[in-house]
Each structure stands twice: as structure tokens, then as C-alpha cells.
């Protein structure tokens, strides 16, 4: 059995090939059931989650990711999300590889966002706002910057010192990054707003969004979590990675429960965009992509890694 650490995963998943592998994965005969989400006993008063995400392709591979989400880790200076991934041979069922699930998750999640933005962001989008300072935030900036040359990358977080650290890391890599204290100001001149937080209350306001903006919502994966307010959803044409996952995430689950938004109001899924569906149809249109994560993308990324080292 092969074992791949974070460094090996990063080396084997350059952004554009990873996006292309995820896109190509939709053409395979396989299945990715909706993720299983289970509540864990509270730690320091905060309830965490255990997520199970299986996927398989006929004659190729079987994969499963196990994820823990513990928001109490923020107070310990630890990531809130940890994960492990197992890759199996589809014919024999034998374990083929184990992979660092944290690196696999951040890489594929950022790649999904940038892949969707190929169709949903304006072609001249050059100003990015990243909301969040966790382990996913830098990769979101890197993935979007791999698709288009950025003029400005604003980093906002509830802890401004953490935003400063994240911006400094990206600046050292050559990106024009800056920590910003005022989110409304940053959003007012943004072309793309990408959010990756553990928020349970909306912090992104639809009233702030300029015409032509693309909103990428990544962080809130459970019904009680939410990053955007109702006006974001009302103003935007809404796309999702998968209907099954997105309807369980608060940014859409809460409007659906309230009764003013339904699955029929979703313009389409990432697979539709990959298949050539028109995404953005006007420069002044506001678009929104809700990403809850799907196991097929994990499998595509894991195969890219394992096949690259075989």
C-alpha cells in the first residue's frame, strides 16, 4: 500500500491539472452518495461533526474520506478540520493507498471553486476577496490566481492579525495580497468573493455586492452554518457543486426551510457547467456558487496523486 503525505499531494496536484481531473471525473461511470454527517459530543461547549464521503468508479477505484470538524480547535490554535482518505482497487477491493485527507480536501475544494469560476466569474475578474484565515483560505487565493492574473487579493478575517499573517504568506509567494479590516469596503470593489469560514451567522451582505460580482461560498457545510444573508441568495443566480450536498448546507438549507427558495431555483450543478451549460450570461449579473464538497472530486484528486506516483 502506498502512503502519500501532504507534500506529495501538493506536488502531484498542480491547480490546472487538478481542475481538469475533477471536470473529467463527471464523465466516468460511478457514484458519489450524499455525505453522511453525524453530530459529535460537544467539546468545550461546541458541537463537532463526523463526515463520511464515499465514491467509486466501475472498474477503476473506490475511495472514502473520513472528516472530523471540531470548532473548539480554534481556541487551541489547531485546524478545525482533519481528514484521512483511503483508496481501494475496484476489482479486488484491496487497499491501494492512504492519503493525507487535510491536504487532499483543501486542494480539491479550492480547485472546485476555481473550476466553477471559469464559467461564473467575469472573464476580466482581477480583484479577489477571501473571507477566512483557516487552512483553506490560502489555497482558495492560489487556485483562483492560477486561473487569472490577480491585481489585488484582499484577506479578511474576524481576527485581523490572522488575516495579516495569511496575506504575508501569499505576498511572499508573489501574490498581491493585503489584509483588510473592513469587509464591506473590500466587497464593494470585488470581482470575486470567496468565503471559507465556520460561521454560524451570516457576515456577507447582499447589499454590498457590486454588479458583476461572483460569490463563492465554501465554508458552511451544515444546516446551522451560514456565511451569506438572504439578499446574497436573492440577488444572485445560484449554482451548486451538487444539489444533494448544497441543500444540506445552511446558505441554501435555511432559505429552503423558510420556503422562499427551492431546489427548482438552482440554475444548475458544476457538472452542467463542465458539460458546457452557459454560466454567466451578462457582465452585470451577480452569480453565486455554493460548494459543500462532493466525494467524486476527492476520488479524482486521489487518483491523480496515486497514478502520478505509480
Protein backbone atom coordinates (compact mmCIF):
# COMPACT_ATOMS: atom_id res chain seq x y z
CA UNK A 1 0.00 0.00 0.00
CA UNK A 2 1.26 3.45 -0.91
CA UNK A 3 1.06 6.35 1.51
CA UNK A 4 1.04 10.00 0.45
CA UNK A 5 1.69 12.88 2.83
CA UNK A 6 0.70 16.50 2.32
CA UNK A 7 3.86 17.41 0.42
CA UNK A 8 3.35 14.56 -2.05
CA UNK A 9 -0.26 15.57 -2.61
CA UNK A 10 0.63 19.21 -3.29
CA UNK A 11 3.37 18.14 -5.72
CA UNK A 12 1.03 15.81 -7.62
CA UNK A 13 -1.93 18.22 -7.92
CA UNK A 14 -0.96 21.40 -9.80
CA UNK A 15 -4.03 23.60 -9.97
CA UNK A 16 -4.93 23.35 -13.65
CA UNK A 17 -4.42 19.58 -13.97
CA UNK A 18 -6.41 19.10 -10.76
CA UNK A 19 -9.31 21.20 -12.07
CA UNK A 20 -9.22 19.28 -15.33
CA UNK A 21 -9.19 15.93 -13.49
CA UNK A 22 -12.23 16.93 -11.43
CA UNK A 23 -14.02 18.04 -14.60
CA UNK A 24 -13.14 14.79 -16.37
CA UNK A 25 -14.41 12.78 -13.40
CA UNK A 26 -18.01 13.64 -14.29
CA UNK A 27 -17.66 11.54 -17.43
CA UNK A 28 -16.95 8.29 -15.62
CA UNK A 29 -19.47 5.60 -14.72
CA UNK A 30 -19.61 5.77 -10.96
CA UNK A 31 -21.45 7.00 -7.91
CA UNK A 32 -20.91 9.52 -5.11
CA UNK A 33 -23.67 9.20 -2.49
CA UNK A 34 -24.57 12.20 -0.37
CA UNK A 35 -22.17 12.62 2.51
CA UNK A 36 -23.09 11.27 5.93
CA UNK A 37 -22.93 13.95 8.65
CA UNK A 38 -23.08 12.92 12.30
CA UNK A 39 -23.01 15.15 15.39
CA UNK A 40 -20.21 14.51 17.85
CA UNK A 41 -20.33 15.08 21.62
CA UNK A 42 -19.61 18.73 22.49
CA UNK A 43 -16.03 19.76 23.22
CA UNK A 44 -15.62 22.95 25.25
CA UNK A 45 -19.32 23.62 24.63
CA UNK A 46 -19.06 23.38 20.82
CA UNK A 47 -20.63 20.51 18.89
CA UNK A 48 -18.49 18.96 16.17
CA UNK A 49 -19.25 16.68 13.25
CA UNK A 50 -18.05 13.44 11.71
CA UNK A 51 -18.43 13.28 7.93
CA UNK A 52 -18.17 10.17 5.74
CA UNK A 53 -17.78 10.66 1.98
CA UNK A 54 -17.62 7.56 -0.27
CA UNK A 55 -17.26 7.42 -4.06
CA UNK A 56 -16.49 4.76 -6.65
CA UNK A 57 -15.93 4.26 -10.37
CA UNK A 58 -16.68 0.98 -12.14
CA UNK A 59 -13.51 -0.93 -12.88
CA UNK A 60 -11.27 1.84 -11.55
CA UNK A 61 -11.32 2.66 -7.85
CA UNK A 62 -13.26 3.03 -4.63
CA UNK A 63 -12.49 5.82 -2.20
CA UNK A 64 -13.74 7.07 1.12
CA UNK A 65 -12.85 10.15 3.13
CA UNK A 66 -13.46 10.46 6.86
CA UNK A 67 -13.55 14.02 8.20
CA UNK A 68 -13.78 15.48 11.69
CA UNK A 69 -14.92 19.06 12.23
CA UNK A 70 -14.21 20.40 15.73
CA UNK A 71 -14.76 24.18 16.01
CA UNK A 72 -13.29 24.10 19.52
CA UNK A 73 -9.86 23.62 17.90
CA UNK A 74 -9.79 27.32 17.06
CA UNK A 75 -9.12 28.06 20.72
CA UNK A 76 -6.20 25.65 20.69
CA UNK A 77 -4.52 27.07 17.61
CA UNK A 78 -5.39 23.92 15.64
CA UNK A 79 -7.26 23.46 12.35
CA UNK A 80 -10.96 22.81 12.84
CA UNK A 81 -10.98 20.16 10.09
CA UNK A 82 -8.96 16.93 9.95
CA UNK A 83 -9.36 14.13 7.44
CA UNK A 84 -7.98 10.85 6.15
CA UNK A 85 -8.53 9.17 2.79
CA UNK A 86 -8.38 5.53 1.70
CA UNK A 87 -8.19 4.47 -1.95
CA UNK A 88 -9.18 0.89 -2.90
CA UNK A 89 -8.83 -1.13 -6.08
CA UNK A 90 -12.27 -1.52 -7.67
CA UNK A 91 -11.70 -5.10 -8.88
CA UNK A 92 -10.14 -6.70 -5.79
CA UNK A 93 -11.21 -4.35 -3.02
CA UNK A 94 -7.61 -4.22 -1.79
CA UNK A 95 -6.36 -1.00 -0.22
CA UNK A 96 -4.23 0.75 -2.80
CA UNK A 97 -3.22 3.92 -0.95
CA UNK A 98 -3.76 6.14 2.06
CA UNK A 99 -3.61 9.89 1.62
CA UNK A 100 -3.40 12.91 3.89
CA UNK A 101 -7.05 13.95 3.90
CA UNK A 102 -6.40 17.52 5.03
CA UNK A 103 -4.22 18.34 2.02
CA UNK A 104 -6.49 16.41 -0.34
CA UNK A 105 -9.53 18.32 0.94
CA UNK A 106 -8.05 21.81 0.72
CA UNK A 107 -6.62 21.18 -2.75
CA UNK A 108 -9.77 19.73 -4.28
CA UNK A 109 -12.05 22.27 -2.56
CA UNK A 110 -10.08 25.24 -3.85
CA UNK A 111 -9.88 23.63 -7.29
CA UNK A 112 -13.68 23.18 -7.38
CA UNK A 113 -14.16 26.89 -6.66
CA UNK A 114 -11.74 27.98 -9.37
CA UNK A 115 -13.24 25.47 -11.82
CA UNK A 116 -16.71 26.92 -11.27
CA UNK A 117 -15.34 30.45 -11.61
CA UNK A 118 -14.16 29.61 -15.13
CA UNK A 119 -17.82 29.83 -16.15
CA UNK A 120 -19.33 32.05 -13.47
CA UNK A 121 -16.83 34.88 -12.89
CA UNK A 122 -16.35 37.62 -15.48
CA UNK A 123 -13.50 36.98 -17.87
CA UNK A 124 -11.85 40.22 -16.73
CA UNK A 125 -12.21 39.46 -12.98
CA UNK A 126 -8.97 40.54 -11.29
CA UNK A 127 -9.92 41.59 -7.75
CA UNK A 128 -10.45 38.80 -5.22
CA UNK A 129 -11.67 38.93 -1.62
CA UNK A 130 -11.03 35.87 0.54
CA UNK A 131 -13.07 35.69 3.75
CA UNK A 132 -11.42 33.42 6.30
CA UNK A 133 -7.94 32.70 7.58
CA UNK A 134 -8.02 28.93 8.08
CA UNK A 135 -6.08 26.29 6.19
CA UNK A 136 -8.31 26.58 3.10
CA UNK A 137 -8.05 30.36 2.64
CA UNK A 138 -4.55 30.49 1.09
CA UNK A 139 -5.38 27.68 -1.34
CA UNK A 140 -8.51 29.49 -2.50
CA UNK A 141 -6.37 32.52 -3.35
CA UNK A 142 -3.78 30.33 -5.09
CA UNK A 143 -6.34 28.40 -7.13
CA UNK A 144 -8.18 31.49 -8.34
CA UNK A 145 -4.86 33.16 -9.14
CA UNK A 146 -3.83 30.13 -11.21
CA UNK A 147 -6.83 30.78 -13.47
CA UNK A 148 -6.41 34.54 -13.87
CA UNK A 149 -3.83 37.19 -13.06
CA UNK A 150 -4.97 38.99 -9.93
CA UNK A 151 -4.49 42.72 -9.41
CA UNK A 152 -5.47 42.57 -5.75
CA UNK A 153 -6.21 39.84 -3.22
CA UNK A 154 -7.91 41.09 -0.05
CA UNK A 155 -7.85 38.83 3.01
CA UNK A 156 -10.48 39.40 5.68
CA UNK A 157 -10.96 37.51 8.92
CA UNK A 158 -12.62 38.01 12.26
CA UNK A 159 -9.09 38.11 13.70
CA UNK A 160 -7.23 40.79 11.78
CA UNK A 161 -3.87 39.51 13.00
CA UNK A 162 -4.59 36.17 11.35
CA UNK A 163 -5.55 37.97 8.13
CA UNK A 164 -2.23 39.81 8.24
CA UNK A 165 -0.36 36.50 8.58
CA UNK A 166 -2.28 34.93 5.69
CA UNK A 167 -1.71 37.95 3.45
CA UNK A 168 2.00 37.98 4.29
CA UNK A 169 2.29 34.29 3.33
CA UNK A 170 0.66 34.95 -0.04
CA UNK A 171 2.69 38.11 -0.64
CA UNK A 172 5.87 36.10 -0.09
CA UNK A 173 4.68 33.80 -2.89
CA UNK A 174 4.25 36.72 -5.28
CA UNK A 175 0.51 37.39 -4.97
CA UNK A 176 -0.67 40.99 -4.47
CA UNK A 177 -2.30 40.21 -1.13
CA UNK A 178 -3.36 42.60 1.62
CA UNK A 179 -5.18 42.15 4.92
CA UNK A 180 -8.27 44.35 5.08
CA UNK A 181 -10.15 45.35 8.24
CA UNK A 182 -13.44 46.39 6.59
CA UNK A 183 -15.22 43.66 4.64
CA UNK A 184 -17.94 45.91 3.21
CA UNK A 185 -15.31 48.21 1.69
CA UNK A 186 -13.40 45.29 0.18
CA UNK A 187 -16.52 43.66 -1.28
CA UNK A 188 -17.65 46.94 -2.88
CA UNK A 189 -14.79 46.73 -5.40
CA UNK A 190 -14.55 42.93 -5.66
CA UNK A 191 -14.91 40.80 -8.78
CA UNK A 192 -14.86 37.52 -6.83
CA UNK A 193 -15.68 36.99 -3.15
CA UNK A 194 -14.65 33.60 -1.80
CA UNK A 195 -15.75 32.61 1.72
CA UNK A 196 -14.31 29.72 3.72
CA UNK A 197 -15.27 30.04 7.37
CA UNK A 198 -17.04 28.14 10.12
CA UNK A 199 -19.60 30.93 10.55
CA UNK A 200 -22.99 30.17 12.03
CA UNK A 201 -24.33 33.69 11.38
CA UNK A 202 -24.21 35.49 8.01
CA UNK A 203 -21.41 38.03 7.61
CA UNK A 204 -21.56 38.62 3.83
CA UNK A 205 -24.35 41.02 2.90
CA UNK A 206 -26.05 41.00 -0.46
CA UNK A 207 -26.45 44.77 -0.30
CA UNK A 208 -22.66 45.11 -0.53
CA UNK A 209 -22.26 43.17 -3.77
CA UNK A 210 -21.38 45.20 -6.87
CA UNK A 211 -22.93 44.34 -10.22
CA UNK A 212 -20.95 41.62 -11.97
CA UNK A 213 -19.60 40.07 -8.79
CA UNK A 214 -19.18 36.32 -8.38
CA UNK A 215 -19.71 34.89 -4.88
CA UNK A 216 -18.06 31.59 -3.93
CA UNK A 217 -19.39 30.07 -0.68
CA UNK A 218 -17.32 27.19 0.66
CA UNK A 219 -17.28 27.11 4.44
CA UNK A 220 -20.79 26.40 5.71
CA UNK A 221 -21.50 22.70 5.14
CA UNK A 222 -24.16 22.01 7.81
CA UNK A 223 -27.73 23.37 8.15
CA UNK A 224 -26.89 25.50 11.21
CA UNK A 225 -23.89 27.15 9.49
CA UNK A 226 -24.18 30.16 7.20
CA UNK A 227 -21.91 32.72 5.55
CA UNK A 228 -24.31 34.76 3.38
CA UNK A 229 -27.52 36.60 4.17
CA UNK A 230 -30.80 36.21 2.30
CA UNK A 231 -30.03 39.13 -0.03
CA UNK A 232 -27.00 37.34 -1.46
CA UNK A 233 -29.18 34.41 -2.50
CA UNK A 234 -31.97 36.67 -3.73
CA UNK A 235 -29.70 38.83 -5.89
CA UNK A 236 -27.63 36.03 -7.42
CA UNK A 237 -28.11 33.31 -9.97
CA UNK A 238 -27.36 30.30 -7.80
CA UNK A 239 -25.18 27.38 -8.90
CA UNK A 240 -24.02 24.46 -6.73
CA UNK A 241 -21.41 21.72 -6.82
CA UNK A 242 -24.14 19.12 -6.22
CA UNK A 243 -27.78 19.61 -5.30
CA UNK A 244 -27.61 16.84 -2.70
CA UNK A 245 -24.77 18.44 -0.77
CA UNK A 246 -25.76 22.08 -1.16
CA UNK A 247 -29.31 21.61 0.11
CA UNK A 248 -27.83 20.37 3.41
CA UNK A 249 -25.68 23.49 3.83
CA UNK A 250 -27.10 26.49 5.66
CA UNK A 251 -26.69 29.08 2.90
CA UNK A 252 -29.37 27.22 0.95
CA UNK A 253 -30.86 24.92 3.60
CA UNK A 254 -32.15 27.86 5.63
CA UNK A 255 -33.83 29.68 2.68
CA UNK A 256 -35.32 26.34 1.59
CA UNK A 257 -36.67 25.72 5.09
CA UNK A 258 -38.08 29.27 5.19
CA UNK A 259 -39.98 28.49 2.00
CA UNK A 260 -38.87 31.30 -0.29
CA UNK A 261 -36.18 29.35 -2.13
CA UNK A 262 -36.34 25.84 -3.58
CA UNK A 263 -34.20 23.38 -5.46
CA UNK A 264 -36.01 24.44 -8.64
CA UNK A 265 -34.45 27.89 -8.18
CA UNK A 266 -30.92 26.48 -8.57
CA UNK A 267 -29.58 27.26 -12.04
CA UNK A 268 -27.52 24.08 -12.19
CA UNK A 269 -24.69 21.95 -10.87
CA UNK A 270 -20.95 22.00 -11.53
CA UNK A 271 -21.39 19.02 -13.88
CA UNK A 272 -23.68 21.17 -16.04
CA UNK A 273 -21.04 23.89 -16.29
CA UNK A 274 -18.39 21.30 -17.20
CA UNK A 275 -20.74 19.95 -19.89
CA UNK A 276 -20.98 23.41 -21.45
CA UNK A 277 -24.05 24.96 -19.86
CA UNK A 278 -23.93 28.76 -20.06
CA UNK A 279 -22.93 30.11 -16.67
CA UNK A 280 -22.57 33.85 -16.59
CA UNK A 281 -24.66 35.40 -19.36
CA UNK A 282 -24.10 39.12 -18.68
CA UNK A 283 -21.26 41.23 -17.32
CA UNK A 284 -23.51 42.89 -14.74
CA UNK A 285 -25.01 39.62 -13.48
CA UNK A 286 -24.33 38.51 -9.91
CA UNK A 287 -23.54 34.81 -9.66
CA UNK A 288 -23.21 32.57 -6.62
CA UNK A 289 -21.60 29.13 -6.32
CA UNK A 290 -22.36 27.10 -3.23
CA UNK A 291 -19.77 24.40 -2.68
CA UNK A 292 -20.45 21.81 0.00
CA UNK A 293 -17.85 19.34 -1.26
CA UNK A 294 -18.52 16.07 -3.06
CA UNK A 295 -16.78 12.76 -2.86
CA UNK A 296 -16.28 12.40 -6.61
CA UNK A 297 -13.81 15.29 -6.52
CA UNK A 298 -11.88 13.59 -3.71
CA UNK A 299 -11.65 10.45 -5.81
CA UNK A 300 -10.44 12.40 -8.86
CA UNK A 301 -7.76 14.09 -6.77
CA UNK A 302 -6.70 10.83 -5.08
CA UNK A 303 -6.34 9.09 -8.43
CA UNK A 304 -4.31 11.99 -9.81
CA UNK A 305 -1.92 11.55 -6.89
CA UNK A 306 -1.74 7.74 -6.91
CA UNK A 307 -1.47 7.42 -10.68
CA UNK A 308 1.20 10.10 -10.78
CA UNK A 309 3.44 8.09 -8.45
CA UNK A 310 2.70 4.65 -9.87
